[in-house]
Amino acid sequence: MIQPVSNMRSSISFKKTNNQNIKKEKNNSKLKKYSDSFIKHSTESAPMLLGLTAIWSLLDSSGRNIPVKKSIMNNLTGFFLPVLVFSSAILSIIENRQTNKNKN
């Protein structure tokens, strides 16, 4: 009538393992969707931002009388990289939230 303790422990831990695996798979699929979307948006917006950074660097170097190389490095680290990362992150969040709402 009463099951041994060892049988009960194995069945409980098995169920926990299944639940943990399901949660991990869901988290991995969400992370994969966000990372794929992030990469897609960053590759689409990089050329335009790079061109804008080049133009801005030329204007900046002529206006402040600093070398072009220094102006390019300042604009790459101060404008291009942060804008690329933040805009791609925001767009990937928006895209994945819209698809989740459309599914429901």
N, C-alpha and C. Protein backbone atom coordinates (compact mmCIF):
# COMPACT_ATOMS: atom_id res chain seq x y z
N MET A 1 0.80 -1.18 0.00
CA MET A 1 0.00 0.00 0.00
C MET A 1 0.85 1.26 0.00
N ILE A 2 1.79 1.35 0.89
CA ILE A 2 2.64 2.53 0.97
C ILE A 2 3.87 2.27 0.09
N GLN A 3 4.14 3.22 -0.76
CA GLN A 3 5.30 3.09 -1.64
C GLN A 3 6.57 3.41 -0.86
N PRO A 4 7.65 2.76 -1.21
CA PRO A 4 8.91 3.10 -0.56
C PRO A 4 9.31 4.54 -0.88
N VAL A 5 10.07 5.13 0.00
CA VAL A 5 10.48 6.52 -0.15
C VAL A 5 11.31 6.71 -1.42
N SER A 6 12.13 5.75 -1.78
CA SER A 6 12.98 5.88 -2.95
C SER A 6 12.16 6.02 -4.23
N ASN A 7 11.04 5.31 -4.35
CA ASN A 7 10.19 5.44 -5.54
C ASN A 7 9.55 6.81 -5.60
N MET A 8 9.11 7.32 -4.49
CA MET A 8 8.48 8.63 -4.47
C MET A 8 9.48 9.73 -4.82
N ARG A 9 10.69 9.62 -4.34
CA ARG A 9 11.70 10.64 -4.63
C ARG A 9 12.03 10.66 -6.12
N SER A 10 12.16 9.50 -6.73
CA SER A 10 12.53 9.48 -8.14
C SER A 10 11.42 10.06 -9.01
N SER A 11 10.18 9.78 -8.68
CA SER A 11 9.10 10.30 -9.51
C SER A 11 8.97 11.81 -9.35
N ILE A 12 9.18 12.33 -8.16
CA ILE A 12 9.08 13.77 -7.94
C ILE A 12 10.20 14.50 -8.66
N SER A 13 11.40 14.00 -8.54
CA SER A 13 12.52 14.67 -9.21
C SER A 13 12.39 14.59 -10.72
N PHE A 14 11.80 13.51 -11.23
CA PHE A 14 11.60 13.39 -12.66
C PHE A 14 10.64 14.45 -13.16
N LYS A 15 9.57 14.68 -12.43
CA LYS A 15 8.61 15.70 -12.83
C LYS A 15 9.24 17.09 -12.77
N LYS A 16 10.04 17.35 -11.79
CA LYS A 16 10.72 18.65 -11.71
C LYS A 16 11.65 18.83 -12.90
N THR A 17 12.34 17.78 -13.26
CA THR A 17 13.27 17.86 -14.38
C THR A 17 12.52 18.16 -15.68
N ASN A 18 11.38 17.50 -15.87
CA ASN A 18 10.59 17.78 -17.07
C ASN A 18 10.11 19.21 -17.10
N ASN A 19 9.62 19.70 -15.98
CA ASN A 19 9.14 21.08 -15.93
C ASN A 19 10.29 22.06 -16.18
N GLN A 20 11.44 21.77 -15.62
CA GLN A 20 12.59 22.65 -15.82
C GLN A 20 13.03 22.63 -17.28
N ASN A 21 13.01 21.45 -17.90
CA ASN A 21 13.40 21.37 -19.31
C ASN A 21 12.43 22.13 -20.20
N ILE A 22 11.15 22.05 -19.90
CA ILE A 22 10.16 22.78 -20.69
C ILE A 22 10.37 24.28 -20.54
N LYS A 23 10.63 24.74 -19.32
CA LYS A 23 10.86 26.17 -19.10
C LYS A 23 12.13 26.63 -19.81
N LYS A 24 13.17 25.80 -19.77
CA LYS A 24 14.41 26.17 -20.45
C LYS A 24 14.21 26.26 -21.96
N GLU A 25 13.44 25.32 -22.52
CA GLU A 25 13.18 25.35 -23.96
C GLU A 25 12.40 26.60 -24.35
N LYS A 26 11.40 26.97 -23.53
CA LYS A 26 10.64 28.18 -23.81
C LYS A 26 11.52 29.42 -23.74
N ASN A 27 12.38 29.49 -22.72
CA ASN A 27 13.27 30.64 -22.58
C ASN A 27 14.26 30.69 -23.73
N ASN A 28 14.78 29.52 -24.15
CA ASN A 28 15.72 29.50 -25.26
C ASN A 28 15.05 29.93 -26.56
N SER A 29 13.80 29.52 -26.77
CA SER A 29 13.12 29.91 -28.00
C SER A 29 12.83 31.42 -28.00
N LYS A 30 12.45 31.98 -26.84
CA LYS A 30 12.23 33.42 -26.76
C LYS A 30 13.54 34.18 -27.01
N LEU A 31 14.61 33.71 -26.38
CA LEU A 31 15.91 34.36 -26.55
C LEU A 31 16.36 34.28 -28.00
N LYS A 32 16.13 33.15 -28.63
CA LYS A 32 16.50 33.00 -30.04
C LYS A 32 15.71 33.96 -30.92
N LYS A 33 14.41 34.12 -30.65
CA LYS A 33 13.60 35.05 -31.44
C LYS A 33 14.11 36.48 -31.29
N TYR A 34 14.40 36.88 -30.06
CA TYR A 34 14.89 38.24 -29.82
C TYR A 34 16.26 38.45 -30.45
N SER A 35 17.15 37.47 -30.33
CA SER A 35 18.49 37.65 -30.89
C SER A 35 18.45 37.66 -32.42
N ASP A 36 17.62 36.82 -33.03
CA ASP A 36 17.50 36.84 -34.49
C ASP A 36 16.94 38.18 -34.97
N SER A 37 15.96 38.68 -34.26
CA SER A 37 15.37 39.97 -34.62
C SER A 37 16.38 41.10 -34.43
N PHE A 38 17.16 41.05 -33.34
CA PHE A 38 18.19 42.05 -33.08
C PHE A 38 19.22 42.08 -34.20
N ILE A 39 19.67 40.91 -34.61
CA ILE A 39 20.67 40.82 -35.68
C ILE A 39 20.11 41.35 -36.99
N LYS A 40 18.85 41.00 -37.28
CA LYS A 40 18.22 41.46 -38.52
C LYS A 40 18.14 42.98 -38.56
N HIS A 41 17.70 43.59 -37.47
CA HIS A 41 17.55 45.04 -37.44
C HIS A 41 18.90 45.76 -37.45
N SER A 42 19.89 45.18 -36.78
CA SER A 42 21.20 45.83 -36.77
C SER A 42 21.86 45.77 -38.15
N THR A 43 21.69 44.67 -38.88
CA THR A 43 22.28 44.61 -40.22
C THR A 43 21.55 45.51 -41.20
N GLU A 44 20.25 45.72 -40.98
CA GLU A 44 19.50 46.61 -41.87
C GLU A 44 19.84 48.08 -41.64
N SER A 45 20.06 48.45 -40.39
CA SER A 45 20.27 49.87 -40.09
C SER A 45 21.74 50.28 -40.05
N ALA A 46 22.66 49.34 -40.06
CA ALA A 46 24.08 49.67 -39.97
C ALA A 46 24.58 50.52 -41.14
N PRO A 47 24.26 50.21 -42.40
CA PRO A 47 24.79 51.05 -43.49
C PRO A 47 24.33 52.51 -43.42
N MET A 48 23.06 52.72 -43.11
CA MET A 48 22.56 54.08 -43.03
C MET A 48 23.22 54.83 -41.87
N LEU A 49 23.35 54.19 -40.72
CA LEU A 49 23.98 54.84 -39.58
C LEU A 49 25.46 55.09 -39.83
N LEU A 50 26.10 54.19 -40.53
CA LEU A 50 27.52 54.37 -40.84
C LEU A 50 27.72 55.56 -41.78
N GLY A 51 26.85 55.69 -42.77
CA GLY A 51 26.92 56.85 -43.66
C GLY A 51 26.67 58.16 -42.93
N LEU A 52 25.69 58.14 -42.04
CA LEU A 52 25.40 59.32 -41.24
C LEU A 52 26.57 59.66 -40.32
N THR A 53 27.21 58.65 -39.79
CA THR A 53 28.38 58.86 -38.92
C THR A 53 29.54 59.45 -39.72
N ALA A 54 29.74 58.99 -40.95
CA ALA A 54 30.82 59.52 -41.78
C ALA A 54 30.57 60.99 -42.12
N ILE A 55 29.35 61.31 -42.49
CA ILE A 55 29.02 62.71 -42.80
C ILE A 55 29.20 63.59 -41.56
N TRP A 56 28.69 63.10 -40.46
CA TRP A 56 28.81 63.85 -39.21
C TRP A 56 30.27 64.03 -38.81
N SER A 57 31.10 63.03 -39.03
CA SER A 57 32.52 63.12 -38.70
C SER A 57 33.22 64.17 -39.54
N LEU A 58 32.90 64.22 -40.83
CA LEU A 58 33.51 65.23 -41.70
C LEU A 58 33.10 66.64 -41.28
N LEU A 59 31.82 66.81 -40.98
CA LEU A 59 31.36 68.12 -40.51
C LEU A 59 31.99 68.48 -39.17
N ASP A 60 32.11 67.50 -38.31
CA ASP A 60 32.68 67.72 -36.98
C ASP A 60 34.16 68.08 -37.06
N SER A 61 34.90 67.39 -37.93
CA SER A 61 36.34 67.66 -38.03
C SER A 61 36.61 69.03 -38.64
N SER A 62 35.79 69.44 -39.58
CA SER A 62 36.01 70.76 -40.18
C SER A 62 35.53 71.88 -39.26
N GLY A 63 34.51 71.62 -38.48
CA GLY A 63 33.97 72.65 -37.60
C GLY A 63 34.80 72.88 -36.35
N ARG A 64 35.38 71.82 -35.81
CA ARG A 64 36.15 71.96 -34.56
C ARG A 64 37.66 71.91 -34.78
N ASN A 65 38.08 71.81 -36.03
CA ASN A 65 39.51 71.75 -36.39
C ASN A 65 40.24 70.64 -35.65
N ILE A 66 39.69 69.43 -35.70
CA ILE A 66 40.35 68.25 -35.14
C ILE A 66 40.62 67.29 -36.29
N PRO A 67 41.58 66.39 -36.12
CA PRO A 67 41.87 65.42 -37.19
C PRO A 67 40.64 64.55 -37.51
N VAL A 68 40.54 64.16 -38.77
CA VAL A 68 39.40 63.36 -39.23
C VAL A 68 39.38 62.01 -38.51
N LYS A 69 40.55 61.42 -38.31
CA LYS A 69 40.63 60.11 -37.67
C LYS A 69 40.06 60.18 -36.24
N LYS A 70 40.41 61.22 -35.51
CA LYS A 70 39.91 61.38 -34.15
C LYS A 70 38.40 61.64 -34.16
N SER A 71 37.95 62.41 -35.11
CA SER A 71 36.53 62.70 -35.22
C SER A 71 35.73 61.43 -35.54
N ILE A 72 36.26 60.61 -36.43
CA ILE A 72 35.59 59.35 -36.78
C ILE A 72 35.51 58.43 -35.56
N MET A 73 36.60 58.30 -34.82
CA MET A 73 36.59 57.44 -33.63
C MET A 73 35.60 57.96 -32.58
N ASN A 74 35.58 59.27 -32.38
CA ASN A 74 34.64 59.85 -31.42
C ASN A 74 33.19 59.57 -31.83
N ASN A 75 32.91 59.73 -33.10
CA ASN A 75 31.54 59.52 -33.56
C ASN A 75 31.15 58.05 -33.62
N LEU A 76 32.11 57.18 -33.89
CA LEU A 76 31.81 55.74 -33.85
C LEU A 76 31.47 55.28 -32.44
N THR A 77 32.26 55.72 -31.47
CA THR A 77 32.02 55.28 -30.09
C THR A 77 30.92 56.07 -29.40
N GLY A 78 30.72 57.30 -29.79
CA GLY A 78 29.73 58.12 -29.11
C GLY A 78 28.37 58.15 -29.77
N PHE A 79 28.31 57.79 -31.07
CA PHE A 79 27.04 57.86 -31.77
C PHE A 79 26.67 56.51 -32.40
N PHE A 80 27.54 56.00 -33.27
CA PHE A 80 27.20 54.83 -34.08
C PHE A 80 26.87 53.61 -33.23
N LEU A 81 27.79 53.19 -32.37
CA LEU A 81 27.57 51.96 -31.59
C LEU A 81 26.38 52.06 -30.63
N PRO A 82 26.26 53.13 -29.83
CA PRO A 82 25.10 53.18 -28.93
C PRO A 82 23.76 53.24 -29.67
N VAL A 83 23.70 54.03 -30.74
CA VAL A 83 22.44 54.14 -31.48
C VAL A 83 22.10 52.82 -32.16
N LEU A 84 23.10 52.15 -32.71
CA LEU A 84 22.86 50.86 -33.36
C LEU A 84 22.34 49.83 -32.36
N VAL A 85 22.97 49.75 -31.21
CA VAL A 85 22.57 48.75 -30.22
C VAL A 85 21.19 49.05 -29.66
N PHE A 86 20.97 50.28 -29.23
CA PHE A 86 19.68 50.62 -28.61
C PHE A 86 18.52 50.57 -29.61
N SER A 87 18.73 51.07 -30.81
CA SER A 87 17.63 51.04 -31.78
C SER A 87 17.30 49.61 -32.19
N SER A 88 18.31 48.77 -32.37
CA SER A 88 18.05 47.38 -32.73
C SER A 88 17.36 46.64 -31.59
N ALA A 89 17.75 46.93 -30.35
CA ALA A 89 17.10 46.28 -29.21
C ALA A 89 15.64 46.70 -29.09
N ILE A 90 15.38 47.98 -29.25
CA ILE A 90 14.01 48.48 -29.15
C ILE A 90 13.14 47.90 -30.27
N LEU A 91 13.68 47.87 -31.49
CA LEU A 91 12.91 47.33 -32.61
C LEU A 91 12.65 45.84 -32.46
N SER A 92 13.61 45.10 -31.92
CA SER A 92 13.38 43.66 -31.73
C SER A 92 12.33 43.41 -30.65
N ILE A 93 12.32 44.23 -29.61
CA ILE A 93 11.30 44.09 -28.57
C ILE A 93 9.92 44.40 -29.14
N ILE A 94 9.82 45.48 -29.91
CA ILE A 94 8.54 45.85 -30.51
C ILE A 94 8.06 44.77 -31.47
N GLU A 95 8.96 44.26 -32.29
CA GLU A 95 8.57 43.24 -33.27
C GLU A 95 8.07 41.97 -32.58
N ASN A 96 8.76 41.53 -31.56
CA ASN A 96 8.35 40.29 -30.89
C ASN A 96 7.10 40.47 -30.06
N ARG A 97 6.87 41.63 -29.51
CA ARG A 97 5.62 41.87 -28.77
C ARG A 97 4.44 41.94 -29.72
N GLN A 98 4.62 42.52 -30.88
CA GLN A 98 3.52 42.58 -31.85
C GLN A 98 3.15 41.19 -32.33
N THR A 99 4.13 40.35 -32.58
CA THR A 99 3.81 39.00 -33.05
C THR A 99 3.14 38.20 -31.95
N ASN A 100 3.52 38.41 -30.69
CA ASN A 100 2.86 37.71 -29.60
C ASN A 100 1.42 38.13 -29.47
N LYS A 101 1.13 39.43 -29.63
CA LYS A 101 -0.25 39.90 -29.54
C LYS A 101 -1.07 39.42 -30.72
N ASN A 102 -0.46 39.32 -31.89
CA ASN A 102 -1.18 38.84 -33.07
C ASN A 102 -1.53 37.38 -32.96
N LYS A 103 -0.73 36.59 -32.27
CA LYS A 103 -1.00 35.17 -32.10
C LYS A 103 -2.22 34.95 -31.21
N ASN A 104 -2.40 35.83 -30.21
CA ASN A 104 -3.53 35.64 -29.28
C ASN A 104 -4.79 36.12 -29.86
